[in-house]
N, C-alpha and C. Protein backbone atom coordinates (compact mmCIF):
# COMPACT_ATOMS: atom_id res chain seq x y z
N MET A 1 -5.59 15.24 -14.44
CA MET A 1 -4.31 15.46 -14.97
C MET A 1 -3.34 15.62 -13.74
N ALA A 2 -2.12 15.03 -13.87
CA ALA A 2 -1.16 15.05 -12.75
C ALA A 2 -0.61 16.44 -12.48
N LEU A 3 -0.41 16.82 -11.28
CA LEU A 3 0.14 18.05 -10.87
C LEU A 3 1.46 18.27 -11.46
N VAL A 4 2.31 17.21 -11.53
CA VAL A 4 3.65 17.28 -12.05
C VAL A 4 3.90 16.13 -12.97
N THR A 5 4.53 16.23 -14.14
CA THR A 5 4.76 15.15 -15.01
C THR A 5 5.92 14.35 -14.59
N PRO A 6 5.69 13.02 -14.53
CA PRO A 6 6.77 12.08 -14.19
C PRO A 6 7.84 12.12 -15.27
N LEU A 7 9.07 11.94 -14.74
CA LEU A 7 10.24 11.76 -15.69
C LEU A 7 10.41 10.40 -16.23
N SER A 8 11.17 10.27 -17.28
CA SER A 8 11.42 8.94 -17.81
C SER A 8 12.16 7.98 -16.86
N GLN A 9 11.95 6.70 -17.00
CA GLN A 9 12.67 5.78 -16.11
C GLN A 9 14.18 5.87 -16.21
N ASP A 10 14.61 6.39 -17.38
CA ASP A 10 16.05 6.45 -17.59
C ASP A 10 16.69 7.85 -17.22
N GLU A 11 15.90 8.61 -16.56
CA GLU A 11 16.38 9.92 -16.12
C GLU A 11 17.61 9.84 -15.25
N ASN A 12 17.54 8.98 -14.22
CA ASN A 12 18.59 8.96 -13.23
C ASN A 12 18.94 7.44 -12.97
N GLN A 13 20.22 7.19 -13.21
CA GLN A 13 20.65 5.80 -13.20
C GLN A 13 20.57 5.18 -11.80
N GLU A 14 20.87 6.02 -10.77
CA GLU A 14 20.74 5.39 -9.41
C GLU A 14 19.35 5.06 -9.02
N VAL A 15 18.40 6.01 -9.38
CA VAL A 15 16.89 5.79 -9.12
C VAL A 15 16.53 4.54 -9.96
N ARG A 16 16.93 4.48 -11.17
CA ARG A 16 16.52 3.33 -12.04
C ARG A 16 17.00 1.99 -11.38
N GLU A 17 18.21 1.96 -10.97
CA GLU A 17 18.68 0.73 -10.28
C GLU A 17 17.82 0.41 -9.07
N LEU A 18 17.58 1.29 -8.25
CA LEU A 18 16.80 1.04 -6.96
C LEU A 18 15.46 0.68 -7.37
N ALA A 19 14.89 1.32 -8.34
CA ALA A 19 13.42 1.07 -8.71
C ALA A 19 13.18 -0.32 -9.31
N LYS A 20 14.20 -1.03 -9.57
CA LYS A 20 13.95 -2.42 -10.07
C LYS A 20 13.21 -3.29 -9.03
N PHE A 21 13.29 -2.80 -7.75
CA PHE A 21 12.45 -3.43 -6.65
C PHE A 21 11.05 -3.45 -7.03
N PHE A 22 10.53 -2.51 -7.71
CA PHE A 22 9.08 -2.46 -8.06
C PHE A 22 8.68 -3.39 -9.18
N ASN A 23 9.62 -3.91 -9.87
CA ASN A 23 9.41 -4.84 -10.97
C ASN A 23 8.85 -6.14 -10.35
N GLU A 24 9.36 -6.55 -9.17
CA GLU A 24 8.80 -7.67 -8.50
C GLU A 24 7.43 -7.38 -7.90
N THR A 25 7.32 -6.21 -7.25
CA THR A 25 6.11 -5.93 -6.56
C THR A 25 4.88 -5.66 -7.40
N LEU A 26 5.12 -4.83 -8.50
CA LEU A 26 4.03 -4.37 -9.38
C LEU A 26 4.22 -4.75 -10.81
N GLY A 27 5.38 -5.09 -11.21
CA GLY A 27 5.68 -5.36 -12.60
C GLY A 27 6.00 -4.17 -13.42
N PHE A 28 6.11 -3.00 -12.74
CA PHE A 28 6.58 -1.77 -13.46
C PHE A 28 7.04 -0.77 -12.33
N CYS A 29 7.65 0.28 -12.82
CA CYS A 29 8.10 1.37 -11.92
C CYS A 29 6.92 2.28 -11.83
N PRO A 30 6.46 2.57 -10.65
CA PRO A 30 5.29 3.52 -10.52
C PRO A 30 5.55 4.87 -10.82
N ASN A 31 4.52 5.51 -11.32
CA ASN A 31 4.57 6.98 -11.80
C ASN A 31 4.93 7.78 -10.53
N SER A 32 4.48 7.35 -9.30
CA SER A 32 4.86 8.15 -8.17
C SER A 32 6.34 8.34 -7.98
N VAL A 33 7.07 7.23 -8.18
CA VAL A 33 8.59 7.20 -8.01
C VAL A 33 9.16 8.04 -9.22
N LEU A 34 8.64 7.93 -10.46
CA LEU A 34 9.11 8.76 -11.52
C LEU A 34 8.86 10.18 -11.36
N THR A 35 7.89 10.58 -10.53
CA THR A 35 7.63 12.06 -10.18
C THR A 35 8.71 12.37 -9.11
N MET A 36 8.84 11.57 -8.14
CA MET A 36 9.78 11.91 -7.01
C MET A 36 11.09 12.05 -7.53
N GLN A 37 11.58 11.47 -8.60
CA GLN A 37 12.98 11.56 -9.04
C GLN A 37 13.21 12.93 -9.66
N ILE A 38 12.19 13.77 -9.77
CA ILE A 38 12.51 15.13 -10.08
C ILE A 38 13.47 15.71 -9.09
N ARG A 39 13.40 15.19 -7.88
CA ARG A 39 14.41 15.52 -6.82
C ARG A 39 14.97 14.08 -6.42
N PRO A 40 16.09 13.65 -7.09
CA PRO A 40 16.49 12.22 -6.92
C PRO A 40 16.72 11.82 -5.52
N ALA A 41 17.17 12.63 -4.61
CA ALA A 41 17.28 12.23 -3.19
C ALA A 41 16.00 11.82 -2.58
N ILE A 42 14.92 12.47 -2.99
CA ILE A 42 13.61 12.03 -2.44
C ILE A 42 13.30 10.58 -2.95
N ALA A 43 13.48 10.40 -4.24
CA ALA A 43 13.14 9.05 -4.90
C ALA A 43 14.00 7.96 -4.21
N LYS A 44 15.31 8.24 -4.10
CA LYS A 44 16.17 7.22 -3.54
C LYS A 44 15.83 6.92 -2.04
N ALA A 45 15.56 8.02 -1.20
CA ALA A 45 15.18 7.84 0.17
C ALA A 45 13.89 6.99 0.23
N PHE A 46 12.89 7.29 -0.55
CA PHE A 46 11.59 6.68 -0.55
C PHE A 46 11.78 5.19 -0.91
N ILE A 47 12.46 4.89 -1.94
CA ILE A 47 12.66 3.51 -2.47
C ILE A 47 13.38 2.67 -1.32
N THR A 48 14.39 3.29 -0.79
CA THR A 48 15.11 2.63 0.23
C THR A 48 14.15 2.33 1.53
N LEU A 49 13.38 3.29 1.87
CA LEU A 49 12.43 3.10 3.01
C LEU A 49 11.37 1.99 2.62
N ASN A 50 10.97 2.12 1.34
CA ASN A 50 9.94 1.06 0.95
C ASN A 50 10.52 -0.28 1.04
N MET A 51 11.72 -0.49 0.58
CA MET A 51 12.38 -1.81 0.67
C MET A 51 12.50 -2.29 2.06
N ALA A 52 12.85 -1.43 2.95
CA ALA A 52 13.01 -1.74 4.41
C ALA A 52 11.72 -2.07 5.07
N VAL A 53 10.65 -1.32 4.72
CA VAL A 53 9.33 -1.58 5.36
C VAL A 53 8.68 -2.85 4.82
N MET A 54 8.99 -3.16 3.61
CA MET A 54 8.37 -4.35 2.89
C MET A 54 9.11 -5.65 3.20
N GLU A 55 10.37 -5.53 3.69
CA GLU A 55 11.14 -6.70 3.96
C GLU A 55 10.38 -7.54 5.11
N ASN A 56 10.40 -8.85 4.99
CA ASN A 56 9.78 -9.67 5.98
C ASN A 56 10.76 -10.10 6.90
N GLY A 57 10.60 -9.53 8.20
CA GLY A 57 11.50 -9.88 9.26
C GLY A 57 10.88 -10.76 10.34
N GLY A 58 9.57 -10.94 10.19
CA GLY A 58 8.81 -11.75 11.22
C GLY A 58 7.72 -12.53 10.44
N ARG A 59 6.59 -12.64 11.13
CA ARG A 59 5.47 -13.49 10.50
C ARG A 59 4.49 -12.68 9.65
N VAL A 60 4.70 -11.31 9.53
CA VAL A 60 3.81 -10.63 8.70
C VAL A 60 4.27 -10.86 7.23
N THR A 61 3.44 -11.46 6.45
CA THR A 61 3.77 -11.86 5.12
C THR A 61 3.72 -10.72 4.17
N ALA A 62 4.38 -10.80 3.00
CA ALA A 62 4.25 -9.82 1.94
C ALA A 62 2.82 -9.54 1.49
N GLU A 63 2.00 -10.56 1.36
CA GLU A 63 0.62 -10.43 0.99
C GLU A 63 -0.12 -9.54 2.11
N GLN A 64 0.09 -9.95 3.37
CA GLN A 64 -0.53 -9.16 4.47
C GLN A 64 -0.12 -7.72 4.47
N LYS A 65 1.11 -7.49 4.27
CA LYS A 65 1.62 -6.01 4.27
C LYS A 65 0.88 -5.31 3.16
N ARG A 66 0.71 -5.93 2.03
CA ARG A 66 -0.03 -5.21 0.93
C ARG A 66 -1.47 -5.01 1.17
N LEU A 67 -2.18 -6.05 2.02
CA LEU A 67 -3.52 -5.85 2.38
C LEU A 67 -3.66 -4.70 3.40
N ILE A 68 -2.63 -4.63 4.33
CA ILE A 68 -2.62 -3.54 5.27
C ILE A 68 -2.50 -2.15 4.60
N GLY A 69 -1.58 -2.16 3.61
CA GLY A 69 -1.38 -0.93 2.75
C GLY A 69 -2.77 -0.61 2.04
N TYR A 70 -3.43 -1.63 1.53
CA TYR A 70 -4.80 -1.36 0.89
C TYR A 70 -5.72 -0.73 1.76
N ILE A 71 -5.90 -1.37 2.98
CA ILE A 71 -6.88 -0.81 3.99
C ILE A 71 -6.58 0.58 4.31
N THR A 72 -5.34 0.82 4.62
CA THR A 72 -4.86 2.25 4.92
C THR A 72 -5.20 3.18 3.80
N SER A 73 -4.93 2.76 2.57
CA SER A 73 -5.11 3.65 1.43
C SER A 73 -6.65 3.88 1.11
N ALA A 74 -7.44 2.83 1.21
CA ALA A 74 -8.89 2.93 1.10
C ALA A 74 -9.42 3.82 2.18
N ASN A 75 -8.94 3.76 3.41
CA ASN A 75 -9.39 4.57 4.54
C ASN A 75 -9.21 6.04 4.23
N THR A 76 -8.08 6.37 3.66
CA THR A 76 -7.69 7.71 3.34
C THR A 76 -8.16 8.22 2.05
N GLY A 77 -8.69 7.36 1.23
CA GLY A 77 -9.32 7.68 -0.10
C GLY A 77 -8.44 7.79 -1.26
N CYS A 78 -7.21 7.19 -1.13
CA CYS A 78 -6.25 7.38 -2.31
C CYS A 78 -6.53 6.22 -3.28
N ARG A 79 -7.08 6.53 -4.38
CA ARG A 79 -7.49 5.52 -5.39
C ARG A 79 -6.21 4.96 -6.10
N TYR A 80 -5.19 5.82 -6.24
CA TYR A 80 -4.01 5.29 -6.83
C TYR A 80 -3.37 4.20 -5.99
N CYS A 81 -3.17 4.46 -4.67
CA CYS A 81 -2.55 3.45 -3.80
C CYS A 81 -3.47 2.21 -3.61
N GLU A 82 -4.77 2.39 -3.60
CA GLU A 82 -5.65 1.25 -3.57
C GLU A 82 -5.41 0.23 -4.61
N ALA A 83 -5.29 0.79 -5.84
CA ALA A 83 -5.02 -0.08 -7.06
C ALA A 83 -3.61 -0.73 -6.92
N HIS A 84 -2.70 -0.02 -6.56
CA HIS A 84 -1.27 -0.54 -6.40
C HIS A 84 -1.19 -1.68 -5.33
N THR A 85 -1.89 -1.39 -4.20
CA THR A 85 -1.71 -2.40 -3.11
C THR A 85 -2.54 -3.69 -3.48
N ILE A 86 -3.68 -3.55 -4.06
CA ILE A 86 -4.37 -4.71 -4.40
C ILE A 86 -3.75 -5.55 -5.49
N LEU A 87 -3.07 -4.86 -6.45
CA LEU A 87 -2.24 -5.57 -7.43
C LEU A 87 -1.08 -6.26 -6.74
N ALA A 88 -0.40 -5.59 -5.81
CA ALA A 88 0.72 -6.20 -5.23
C ALA A 88 0.32 -7.42 -4.38
N ALA A 89 -0.86 -7.20 -3.63
CA ALA A 89 -1.26 -8.37 -2.82
C ALA A 89 -1.59 -9.55 -3.73
N LYS A 90 -2.11 -9.40 -4.80
CA LYS A 90 -2.39 -10.49 -5.83
C LYS A 90 -1.08 -11.10 -6.24
N ARG A 91 0.01 -10.26 -6.51
CA ARG A 91 1.29 -10.75 -6.97
C ARG A 91 1.98 -11.50 -5.94
N TYR A 92 1.66 -11.25 -4.64
CA TYR A 92 2.16 -11.99 -3.52
C TYR A 92 1.35 -13.04 -2.95
N GLY A 93 0.52 -13.55 -3.73
CA GLY A 93 -0.35 -14.76 -3.31
C GLY A 93 -1.63 -14.53 -2.86
N GLY A 94 -2.09 -13.29 -2.92
CA GLY A 94 -3.58 -13.14 -2.45
C GLY A 94 -4.60 -13.85 -3.39
N SER A 95 -5.40 -14.64 -2.85
CA SER A 95 -6.42 -15.27 -3.58
C SER A 95 -7.49 -14.38 -4.00
N GLU A 96 -8.18 -14.72 -5.09
CA GLU A 96 -9.42 -13.92 -5.59
C GLU A 96 -10.37 -13.72 -4.50
N GLU A 97 -10.60 -14.80 -3.70
CA GLU A 97 -11.58 -14.66 -2.56
C GLU A 97 -11.11 -13.64 -1.51
N ARG A 98 -9.93 -13.68 -1.19
CA ARG A 98 -9.34 -12.80 -0.16
C ARG A 98 -9.37 -11.28 -0.59
N LEU A 99 -9.01 -11.18 -1.85
CA LEU A 99 -8.93 -9.79 -2.38
C LEU A 99 -10.42 -9.23 -2.56
N ASN A 100 -11.29 -10.05 -3.02
CA ASN A 100 -12.66 -9.58 -3.28
C ASN A 100 -13.44 -9.38 -1.90
N ASN A 101 -13.01 -9.93 -0.87
CA ASN A 101 -13.74 -9.89 0.34
C ASN A 101 -13.08 -9.13 1.50
N ILE A 102 -12.08 -8.33 1.22
CA ILE A 102 -11.26 -7.65 2.20
C ILE A 102 -12.06 -6.90 3.14
N TRP A 103 -13.15 -6.23 2.70
CA TRP A 103 -14.05 -5.45 3.60
C TRP A 103 -14.97 -6.22 4.42
N GLN A 104 -15.05 -7.54 4.23
CA GLN A 104 -15.77 -8.40 5.08
C GLN A 104 -14.92 -9.12 6.09
N PHE A 105 -13.65 -8.59 6.34
CA PHE A 105 -12.72 -9.26 7.03
C PHE A 105 -13.18 -9.53 8.49
N ARG A 106 -14.01 -8.65 9.07
CA ARG A 106 -14.43 -8.86 10.44
C ARG A 106 -15.30 -10.17 10.62
N GLU A 107 -16.08 -10.49 9.61
CA GLU A 107 -16.94 -11.68 9.70
C GLU A 107 -16.39 -12.86 8.94
N SER A 108 -15.48 -12.61 8.17
CA SER A 108 -15.01 -13.73 7.21
C SER A 108 -14.02 -14.75 7.93
N GLU A 109 -14.09 -15.96 7.47
CA GLU A 109 -13.24 -17.03 7.87
C GLU A 109 -11.90 -17.00 7.01
N LEU A 110 -11.96 -16.11 5.99
CA LEU A 110 -10.80 -16.12 5.11
C LEU A 110 -9.59 -15.46 5.72
N TYR A 111 -9.77 -14.74 6.89
CA TYR A 111 -8.73 -14.08 7.56
C TYR A 111 -8.56 -14.51 8.97
N THR A 112 -7.33 -14.64 9.44
CA THR A 112 -7.08 -15.17 10.80
C THR A 112 -7.41 -14.01 11.83
N SER A 113 -7.52 -14.46 13.06
CA SER A 113 -7.67 -13.40 14.13
C SER A 113 -6.56 -12.44 14.18
N ALA A 114 -5.33 -12.88 13.82
CA ALA A 114 -4.16 -12.00 13.85
C ALA A 114 -4.33 -10.95 12.77
N GLU A 115 -4.72 -11.48 11.59
CA GLU A 115 -4.93 -10.46 10.49
C GLU A 115 -5.98 -9.50 10.85
N LYS A 116 -7.05 -9.98 11.40
CA LYS A 116 -8.17 -9.11 11.70
C LYS A 116 -7.75 -8.02 12.75
N ALA A 117 -6.87 -8.36 13.66
CA ALA A 117 -6.32 -7.37 14.62
C ALA A 117 -5.43 -6.36 13.86
N ALA A 118 -4.64 -6.85 12.93
CA ALA A 118 -3.74 -5.92 12.22
C ALA A 118 -4.65 -5.02 11.32
N PHE A 119 -5.61 -5.50 10.70
CA PHE A 119 -6.55 -4.68 9.84
C PHE A 119 -7.30 -3.63 10.65
N GLU A 120 -7.70 -3.96 11.87
CA GLU A 120 -8.38 -3.05 12.72
C GLU A 120 -7.42 -1.95 13.12
N PHE A 121 -6.09 -2.29 13.48
CA PHE A 121 -5.14 -1.36 13.75
C PHE A 121 -4.82 -0.42 12.61
N ALA A 122 -4.80 -1.02 11.41
CA ALA A 122 -4.54 -0.17 10.17
C ALA A 122 -5.67 0.84 10.01
N LEU A 123 -6.89 0.47 10.16
CA LEU A 123 -7.95 1.37 9.99
C LEU A 123 -7.82 2.48 11.16
N ALA A 124 -7.63 2.13 12.34
CA ALA A 124 -7.56 3.07 13.44
C ALA A 124 -6.37 4.03 13.26
N ALA A 125 -5.19 3.44 12.99
CA ALA A 125 -3.95 4.22 12.90
C ALA A 125 -3.92 5.18 11.64
N SER A 126 -4.64 4.86 10.56
CA SER A 126 -4.66 5.70 9.42
C SER A 126 -5.81 6.74 9.38
N SER A 127 -6.61 6.69 10.54
CA SER A 127 -7.69 7.69 10.77
C SER A 127 -7.24 9.02 11.19
N VAL A 128 -7.90 10.09 10.88
CA VAL A 128 -7.57 11.37 11.39
C VAL A 128 -8.81 11.95 12.12
N PRO A 129 -8.72 12.14 13.40
CA PRO A 129 -7.58 11.91 14.29
C PRO A 129 -7.31 10.38 14.48
N ASN A 130 -6.13 10.05 14.92
CA ASN A 130 -5.75 8.67 15.18
C ASN A 130 -6.71 8.08 16.17
N ALA A 131 -7.13 6.85 15.82
CA ALA A 131 -8.23 6.25 16.58
C ALA A 131 -7.71 4.90 17.29
N VAL A 132 -6.46 4.72 17.37
CA VAL A 132 -5.96 3.54 18.16
C VAL A 132 -6.21 3.79 19.58
N ASP A 133 -6.91 2.85 20.12
CA ASP A 133 -7.27 2.88 21.70
C ASP A 133 -6.67 1.60 22.40
N ASN A 134 -6.96 1.50 23.61
CA ASN A 134 -6.43 0.39 24.34
C ASN A 134 -6.99 -0.93 23.99
N ILE A 135 -8.09 -1.01 23.43
CA ILE A 135 -8.76 -2.19 22.93
C ILE A 135 -8.03 -2.72 21.78
N ILE A 136 -7.90 -1.75 20.71
CA ILE A 136 -7.17 -2.11 19.56
C ILE A 136 -5.72 -2.54 19.81
N GLU A 137 -5.08 -1.82 20.78
CA GLU A 137 -3.70 -2.07 21.13
C GLU A 137 -3.63 -3.53 21.71
N ALA A 138 -4.54 -3.75 22.68
CA ALA A 138 -4.45 -5.10 23.32
C ALA A 138 -4.73 -6.23 22.38
N GLU A 139 -5.62 -6.04 21.41
CA GLU A 139 -5.94 -7.15 20.48
C GLU A 139 -4.73 -7.29 19.56
N LEU A 140 -4.05 -6.25 19.10
CA LEU A 140 -2.89 -6.36 18.31
C LEU A 140 -1.74 -7.15 19.01
N LYS A 141 -1.56 -6.82 20.29
CA LYS A 141 -0.47 -7.42 21.08
C LYS A 141 -0.76 -8.94 21.43
N LYS A 142 -2.01 -9.33 21.30
CA LYS A 142 -2.26 -10.73 21.48
C LYS A 142 -1.72 -11.59 20.43
N TYR A 143 -1.52 -11.10 19.17
CA TYR A 143 -1.10 -11.94 18.04
C TYR A 143 0.28 -11.54 17.58
N TRP A 144 0.74 -10.38 17.76
CA TRP A 144 1.90 -9.87 17.05
C TRP A 144 3.02 -9.34 18.12
N ASP A 145 4.25 -9.71 17.83
CA ASP A 145 5.32 -9.24 18.78
C ASP A 145 5.72 -7.83 18.41
N GLU A 146 6.60 -7.19 19.23
CA GLU A 146 6.95 -5.82 18.96
C GLU A 146 7.61 -5.56 17.63
N GLY A 147 8.43 -6.48 17.19
CA GLY A 147 9.09 -6.27 15.87
C GLY A 147 7.99 -6.40 14.70
N GLU A 148 7.00 -7.20 14.85
CA GLU A 148 5.92 -7.31 13.85
C GLU A 148 5.02 -6.05 13.84
N ILE A 149 4.74 -5.57 15.07
CA ILE A 149 4.04 -4.42 15.26
C ILE A 149 4.72 -3.19 14.61
N VAL A 150 6.07 -3.08 14.64
CA VAL A 150 6.87 -2.11 14.04
C VAL A 150 6.75 -2.27 12.52
N GLU A 151 6.82 -3.45 12.02
CA GLU A 151 6.60 -3.72 10.57
C GLU A 151 5.14 -3.30 10.11
N ILE A 152 4.12 -3.65 10.86
CA ILE A 152 2.80 -3.30 10.49
C ILE A 152 2.63 -1.74 10.48
N LEU A 153 3.06 -1.13 11.54
CA LEU A 153 3.01 0.34 11.61
C LEU A 153 3.85 0.98 10.46
N GLY A 154 5.00 0.40 10.17
CA GLY A 154 5.81 0.83 9.13
C GLY A 154 5.03 0.91 7.86
N VAL A 155 4.25 -0.11 7.46
CA VAL A 155 3.41 -0.15 6.23
C VAL A 155 2.38 0.92 6.27
N ILE A 156 1.71 1.05 7.44
CA ILE A 156 0.62 2.08 7.73
C ILE A 156 1.27 3.50 7.41
N SER A 157 2.35 3.69 7.93
CA SER A 157 3.05 5.06 7.82
C SER A 157 3.58 5.22 6.44
N LEU A 158 4.13 4.17 5.83
CA LEU A 158 4.56 4.40 4.46
C LEU A 158 3.47 4.82 3.53
N PHE A 159 2.34 4.17 3.69
CA PHE A 159 1.22 4.43 2.83
C PHE A 159 0.52 5.78 3.24
N GLY A 160 0.75 6.27 4.45
CA GLY A 160 0.29 7.57 4.85
C GLY A 160 0.98 8.57 3.93
N TYR A 161 2.26 8.42 3.75
CA TYR A 161 3.06 9.25 2.89
C TYR A 161 2.60 9.13 1.47
N LEU A 162 2.51 7.98 1.05
CA LEU A 162 2.12 7.68 -0.40
C LEU A 162 0.69 8.23 -0.72
N ASN A 163 -0.23 7.97 0.25
CA ASN A 163 -1.57 8.43 0.06
C ASN A 163 -1.65 10.03 -0.13
N ARG A 164 -0.87 10.67 0.74
CA ARG A 164 -0.86 12.18 0.56
C ARG A 164 -0.16 12.63 -0.78
N TRP A 165 1.00 11.89 -1.05
CA TRP A 165 1.67 12.17 -2.29
C TRP A 165 0.79 11.97 -3.58
N ASN A 166 0.25 10.89 -3.66
CA ASN A 166 -0.45 10.52 -4.93
C ASN A 166 -1.86 11.20 -5.09
N ASP A 167 -2.52 11.30 -3.92
CA ASP A 167 -3.81 11.96 -3.96
C ASP A 167 -3.65 13.41 -4.35
N THR A 168 -2.65 14.03 -3.73
CA THR A 168 -2.40 15.49 -4.02
C THR A 168 -1.88 15.71 -5.39
N MET A 169 -0.90 14.86 -5.81
CA MET A 169 -0.24 14.89 -7.08
C MET A 169 -1.13 14.50 -8.25
N ALA A 170 -2.30 13.79 -7.88
CA ALA A 170 -3.12 13.16 -8.94
C ALA A 170 -2.33 12.33 -9.87
N THR A 171 -1.49 11.53 -9.31
CA THR A 171 -0.50 10.65 -10.11
C THR A 171 -1.28 9.83 -11.00
N THR A 172 -0.85 9.77 -12.30
CA THR A 172 -1.48 8.98 -13.34
C THR A 172 -1.35 7.46 -12.99
N LEU A 173 -2.50 6.81 -12.94
CA LEU A 173 -2.41 5.39 -12.81
C LEU A 173 -1.84 4.51 -14.09
N GLU A 174 -1.16 3.56 -13.83
CA GLU A 174 -0.54 2.79 -14.85
C GLU A 174 -1.54 1.77 -15.26
N THR A 175 -1.38 1.20 -16.45
CA THR A 175 -2.30 0.22 -17.05
C THR A 175 -2.49 -1.03 -16.07
N GLY A 176 -1.49 -1.56 -15.60
CA GLY A 176 -1.61 -2.76 -14.73
C GLY A 176 -2.38 -2.44 -13.46
N ALA A 177 -2.20 -1.29 -12.88
CA ALA A 177 -2.87 -0.83 -11.72
C ALA A 177 -4.40 -0.68 -12.03
N ILE A 178 -4.63 -0.03 -13.10
CA ILE A 178 -6.07 0.19 -13.48
C ILE A 178 -6.81 -1.11 -13.67
N SER A 179 -6.14 -2.04 -14.29
CA SER A 179 -6.75 -3.38 -14.57
C SER A 179 -6.94 -4.13 -13.16
N ALA A 180 -6.03 -4.02 -12.26
CA ALA A 180 -6.24 -4.61 -10.92
C ALA A 180 -7.38 -3.96 -10.15
N GLY A 181 -7.50 -2.60 -10.25
CA GLY A 181 -8.62 -1.85 -9.62
C GLY A 181 -9.96 -2.26 -10.14
N LYS A 182 -10.01 -2.39 -11.50
CA LYS A 182 -11.28 -2.70 -12.13
C LYS A 182 -11.69 -4.21 -11.76
N THR A 183 -10.67 -5.03 -11.67
CA THR A 183 -10.89 -6.44 -11.37
C THR A 183 -11.42 -6.68 -9.88
N TYR A 184 -10.66 -6.01 -8.91
CA TYR A 184 -10.88 -6.31 -7.54
C TYR A 184 -11.69 -5.28 -6.73
N LEU A 185 -11.78 -4.10 -7.24
CA LEU A 185 -12.25 -2.97 -6.43
C LEU A 185 -13.50 -2.32 -6.81
N THR A 186 -13.96 -2.49 -8.11
CA THR A 186 -15.12 -1.84 -8.62
C THR A 186 -16.38 -2.04 -7.75
N HIS A 187 -16.44 -3.33 -7.11
CA HIS A 187 -17.65 -3.55 -6.28
C HIS A 187 -17.62 -2.74 -4.95
N ASN A 188 -16.53 -2.11 -4.71
CA ASN A 188 -16.43 -1.14 -3.59
C ASN A 188 -16.37 0.28 -4.05
N ASP A 189 -16.92 0.52 -5.20
CA ASP A 189 -17.08 1.89 -5.88
C ASP A 189 -15.76 2.48 -6.17
N TRP A 190 -14.72 1.69 -6.47
CA TRP A 190 -13.42 2.27 -6.89
C TRP A 190 -13.45 2.72 -8.25
N GLN A 191 -12.92 3.86 -8.52
CA GLN A 191 -12.79 4.49 -9.86
C GLN A 191 -11.41 5.16 -9.99
N VAL A 192 -11.04 5.31 -11.22
CA VAL A 192 -9.80 5.99 -11.51
C VAL A 192 -9.74 7.44 -11.06
N ASN A 193 -11.01 8.04 -11.31
CA ASN A 193 -11.09 9.49 -10.93
C ASN A 193 -9.93 10.35 -11.49
N LYS A 194 -9.40 11.13 -10.66
CA LYS A 194 -8.34 12.14 -11.09
C LYS A 194 -7.02 11.48 -11.50
N HIS A 195 -6.89 10.23 -11.38
CA HIS A 195 -5.58 9.54 -11.65
C HIS A 195 -5.53 9.05 -13.10
N GLN A 196 -6.17 9.77 -14.00
CA GLN A 196 -6.09 9.39 -15.50
C GLN A 196 -4.94 9.95 -16.17
């Protein structure tokens, strides 16, 4: 059961307008945002940050950003964000094969060397304590420029916030996210758990 009950989508007009962004990404407004809008300034700031982080300013694609978010969320154990990011990766062109084999990225030919470097960076940067070292940094810089690294770390950091928010809040998972989790993540022991 959620720590705090989400408000209705119609509770705050400004938040509602900004939250239309999620209709493209997920097909619905997430309960996390509906909870944040209990303090509208938090919801508005979060949505604005989310839109800025997910904007594509370089070669990091929308699908890659969602896979980086997924890896970050899985590494920290947030089932809510795992389901959301895998759903969004699918909506942004992720193939069944790529989604089902994300944890085999090191050996798989489904992912480029650049993606593998970004995924290793996501794992290291989302670890506590932070595990980014000279080797991971050098590999990342072989494939991505500074602007793209800022985008990648922006995604990791955004999901660091969301992982803490949703895991602590026990945010209730929406039907579409549950379906995505069951489709793509159960072979990795994903369960709804406290997000019911």
